[in-house]
Amino acid sequence: METYLVLRRSGWATDEEFHTAAARSRAVCEEQLAENVRWVRSYVLDEPWARTGSICVYEAPSPEAIRRHARLADLPVDEIVVVNGTVIEQADPETARA
């Protein structure tokens, strides 16, 4: 398994749409891809053009597995980047949690 960042720019018009998409993502991970794809966390982006985007952290065997998850959950994917390492200076601030 590798760790990936998935960039979803301006994927949703409202926070409600984002949370509905998150529920679909969770369901697909749990019901269809439990052994292949693990959603770790998402950072919700307040895009400058009044839309909501996200940067999501996943564990998966390949970018193709991430794309399959996105298709099944009807999620946009703008970019997938493999994580080479992690440096944690401080825990995420409380305001970063959606």
C-alpha atoms as a PDB file:
ATOM      1  CA  MET A   1       0.000   0.000   0.000  1.00  0.00           C
ATOM      2  CA  GLU A   2       1.116   3.516  -0.819  1.00  0.00           C
ATOM      3  CA  THR A   3      -0.136   6.821   0.571  1.00  0.00           C
ATOM      4  CA  TYR A   4      -1.636   9.270  -1.935  1.00  0.00           C
ATOM      5  CA  LEU A   5      -2.909  12.832  -1.926  1.00  0.00           C
ATOM      6  CA  VAL A   6      -5.932  13.361  -4.145  1.00  0.00           C
ATOM      7  CA  LEU A   7      -6.654  16.928  -5.219  1.00  0.00           C
ATOM      8  CA  ARG A   8     -10.305  17.719  -5.984  1.00  0.00           C
ATOM      9  CA  ARG A   9     -10.556  21.380  -7.042  1.00  0.00           C
ATOM     10  CA  SER A  10     -13.990  23.017  -6.934  1.00  0.00           C
ATOM     11  CA  GLY A  11     -15.762  19.680  -6.837  1.00  0.00           C
ATOM     12  CA  TRP A  12     -18.855  20.902  -5.027  1.00  0.00           C
ATOM     13  CA  ALA A  13     -21.041  24.002  -5.037  1.00  0.00           C
ATOM     14  CA  THR A  14     -21.991  23.727  -1.355  1.00  0.00           C
ATOM     15  CA  ASP A  15     -20.766  22.168   1.884  1.00  0.00           C
ATOM     16  CA  GLU A  16     -23.875  19.954   1.827  1.00  0.00           C
ATOM     17  CA  GLU A  17     -22.824  18.542  -1.563  1.00  0.00           C
ATOM     18  CA  PHE A  18     -19.348  17.889  -0.168  1.00  0.00           C
ATOM     19  CA  HIS A  19     -20.714  16.019   2.871  1.00  0.00           C
ATOM     20  CA  THR A  20     -23.011  13.945   0.647  1.00  0.00           C
ATOM     21  CA  ALA A  21     -19.986  13.047  -1.501  1.00  0.00           C
ATOM     22  CA  ALA A  22     -18.009  12.159   1.644  1.00  0.00           C
ATOM     23  CA  ALA A  23     -20.774   9.756   2.676  1.00  0.00           C
ATOM     24  CA  ARG A  24     -20.618   8.097  -0.777  1.00  0.00           C
ATOM     25  CA  SER A  25     -16.835   7.845  -0.483  1.00  0.00           C
ATOM     26  CA  ARG A  26     -17.077   6.228   2.942  1.00  0.00           C
ATOM     27  CA  ALA A  27     -19.699   3.743   1.735  1.00  0.00           C
ATOM     28  CA  VAL A  28     -17.635   2.710  -1.296  1.00  0.00           C
ATOM     29  CA  CYS A  29     -14.537   2.221   0.872  1.00  0.00           C
ATOM     30  CA  GLU A  30     -16.425   0.143   3.434  1.00  0.00           C
ATOM     31  CA  GLU A  31     -18.718  -1.860   1.163  1.00  0.00           C
ATOM     32  CA  GLN A  32     -16.797  -2.374  -2.076  1.00  0.00           C
ATOM     33  CA  LEU A  33     -13.103  -1.631  -1.627  1.00  0.00           C
ATOM     34  CA  ALA A  34     -12.404  -2.384   2.035  1.00  0.00           C
ATOM     35  CA  GLU A  35      -9.291  -4.438   1.254  1.00  0.00           C
ATOM     36  CA  ASN A  36      -7.895  -2.077  -1.410  1.00  0.00           C
ATOM     37  CA  VAL A  37      -8.598   1.565  -0.560  1.00  0.00           C
ATOM     38  CA  ARG A  38      -8.524   3.302   2.816  1.00  0.00           C
ATOM     39  CA  TRP A  39      -9.657   6.916   3.174  1.00  0.00           C
ATOM     40  CA  VAL A  40      -7.514   8.490   5.902  1.00  0.00           C
ATOM     41  CA  ARG A  41      -8.641  12.137   6.020  1.00  0.00           C
ATOM     42  CA  SER A  42      -9.629  15.122   3.932  1.00  0.00           C
ATOM     43  CA  TYR A  43      -8.789  18.788   4.116  1.00  0.00           C
ATOM     44  CA  VAL A  44     -11.718  20.872   2.882  1.00  0.00           C
ATOM     45  CA  LEU A  45     -10.711  23.799   0.672  1.00  0.00           C
ATOM     46  CA  ASP A  46     -12.578  27.085   0.521  1.00  0.00           C
ATOM     47  CA  GLU A  47     -11.940  27.816  -3.152  1.00  0.00           C
ATOM     48  CA  PRO A  48     -11.735  31.472  -4.212  1.00  0.00           C
ATOM     49  CA  TRP A  49     -14.590  31.097  -6.696  1.00  0.00           C
ATOM     50  CA  ALA A  50     -17.158  30.191  -3.980  1.00  0.00           C
ATOM     51  CA  ARG A  51     -16.933  26.440  -4.380  1.00  0.00           C
ATOM     52  CA  THR A  52     -15.635  23.665  -2.132  1.00  0.00           C
ATOM     53  CA  GLY A  53     -12.647  21.514  -2.988  1.00  0.00           C
ATOM     54  CA  SER A  54     -10.572  19.030  -1.038  1.00  0.00           C
ATOM     55  CA  ILE A  55      -7.223  17.392  -0.604  1.00  0.00           C
ATOM     56  CA  CYS A  56      -7.782  13.813   0.482  1.00  0.00           C
ATOM     57  CA  VAL A  57      -5.313  11.348   1.951  1.00  0.00           C
ATOM     58  CA  TYR A  58      -5.759   7.720   0.919  1.00  0.00           C
ATOM     59  CA  GLU A  59      -3.888   4.469   1.257  1.00  0.00           C
ATOM     60  CA  ALA A  60      -4.171   2.287  -1.842  1.00  0.00           C
ATOM     61  CA  PRO A  61      -2.124  -0.110  -3.948  1.00  0.00           C
ATOM     62  CA  SER A  62      -2.069   2.208  -6.997  1.00  0.00           C
ATOM     63  CA  PRO A  63      -3.407   5.413  -8.553  1.00  0.00           C
ATOM     64  CA  GLU A  64      -5.753   3.211 -10.594  1.00  0.00           C
ATOM     65  CA  ALA A  65      -7.369   1.975  -7.359  1.00  0.00           C
ATOM     66  CA  ILE A  66      -7.922   5.600  -6.322  1.00  0.00           C
ATOM     67  CA  ARG A  67      -9.500   6.368  -9.710  1.00  0.00           C
ATOM     68  CA  ARG A  68     -11.760   3.305  -9.423  1.00  0.00           C
ATOM     69  CA  HIS A  69     -12.891   4.476  -5.992  1.00  0.00           C
ATOM     70  CA  ALA A  70     -13.623   7.939  -7.430  1.00  0.00           C
ATOM     71  CA  ARG A  71     -15.684   6.472 -10.281  1.00  0.00           C
ATOM     72  CA  LEU A  72     -17.705   4.266  -7.923  1.00  0.00           C
ATOM     73  CA  ALA A  73     -18.314   7.162  -5.503  1.00  0.00           C
ATOM     74  CA  ASP A  74     -18.908   9.716  -8.289  1.00  0.00           C
ATOM     75  CA  LEU A  75     -16.055  11.969  -7.113  1.00  0.00           C
ATOM     76  CA  PRO A  76     -13.882  14.295  -9.170  1.00  0.00           C
ATOM     77  CA  VAL A  77     -10.128  13.703  -9.382  1.00  0.00           C
ATOM     78  CA  ASP A  78      -7.892  16.506 -10.598  1.00  0.00           C
ATOM     79  CA  GLU A  79      -4.549  15.095  -9.510  1.00  0.00           C
ATOM     80  CA  ILE A  80      -3.129  12.108  -7.634  1.00  0.00           C
ATOM     81  CA  VAL A  81       0.290  12.417  -6.004  1.00  0.00           C
ATOM     82  CA  VAL A  82       2.188   9.661  -4.211  1.00  0.00           C
ATOM     83  CA  VAL A  83       3.459  10.640  -0.763  1.00  0.00           C
ATOM     84  CA  ASN A  84       7.185  10.041  -0.398  1.00  0.00           C
ATOM     85  CA  GLY A  85       7.337  10.684   3.344  1.00  0.00           C
ATOM     86  CA  THR A  86       5.742  12.502   6.243  1.00  0.00           C
ATOM     87  CA  VAL A  87       7.086  15.119   8.636  1.00  0.00           C
ATOM     88  CA  ILE A  88       4.742  16.116  11.454  1.00  0.00           C
ATOM     89  CA  GLU A  89       5.757  19.285  13.217  1.00  0.00           C
ATOM     90  CA  GLN A  90       2.479  19.680  15.107  1.00  0.00           C
ATOM     91  CA  ALA A  91      -0.895  17.992  15.195  1.00  0.00           C
ATOM     92  CA  ASP A  92      -3.565  19.351  12.858  1.00  0.00           C
ATOM     93  CA  PRO A  93      -5.258  22.415  14.348  1.00  0.00           C
ATOM     94  CA  GLU A  94      -8.842  21.974  15.497  1.00  0.00           C
ATOM     95  CA  THR A  95     -10.137  24.322  12.792  1.00  0.00           C
ATOM     96  CA  ALA A  96      -8.813  21.963  10.072  1.00  0.00           C
ATOM     97  CA  ARG A  97     -11.386  19.301  10.899  1.00  0.00           C
ATOM     98  CA  ALA A  98     -14.533  19.240   8.756  1.00  0.00           C
END
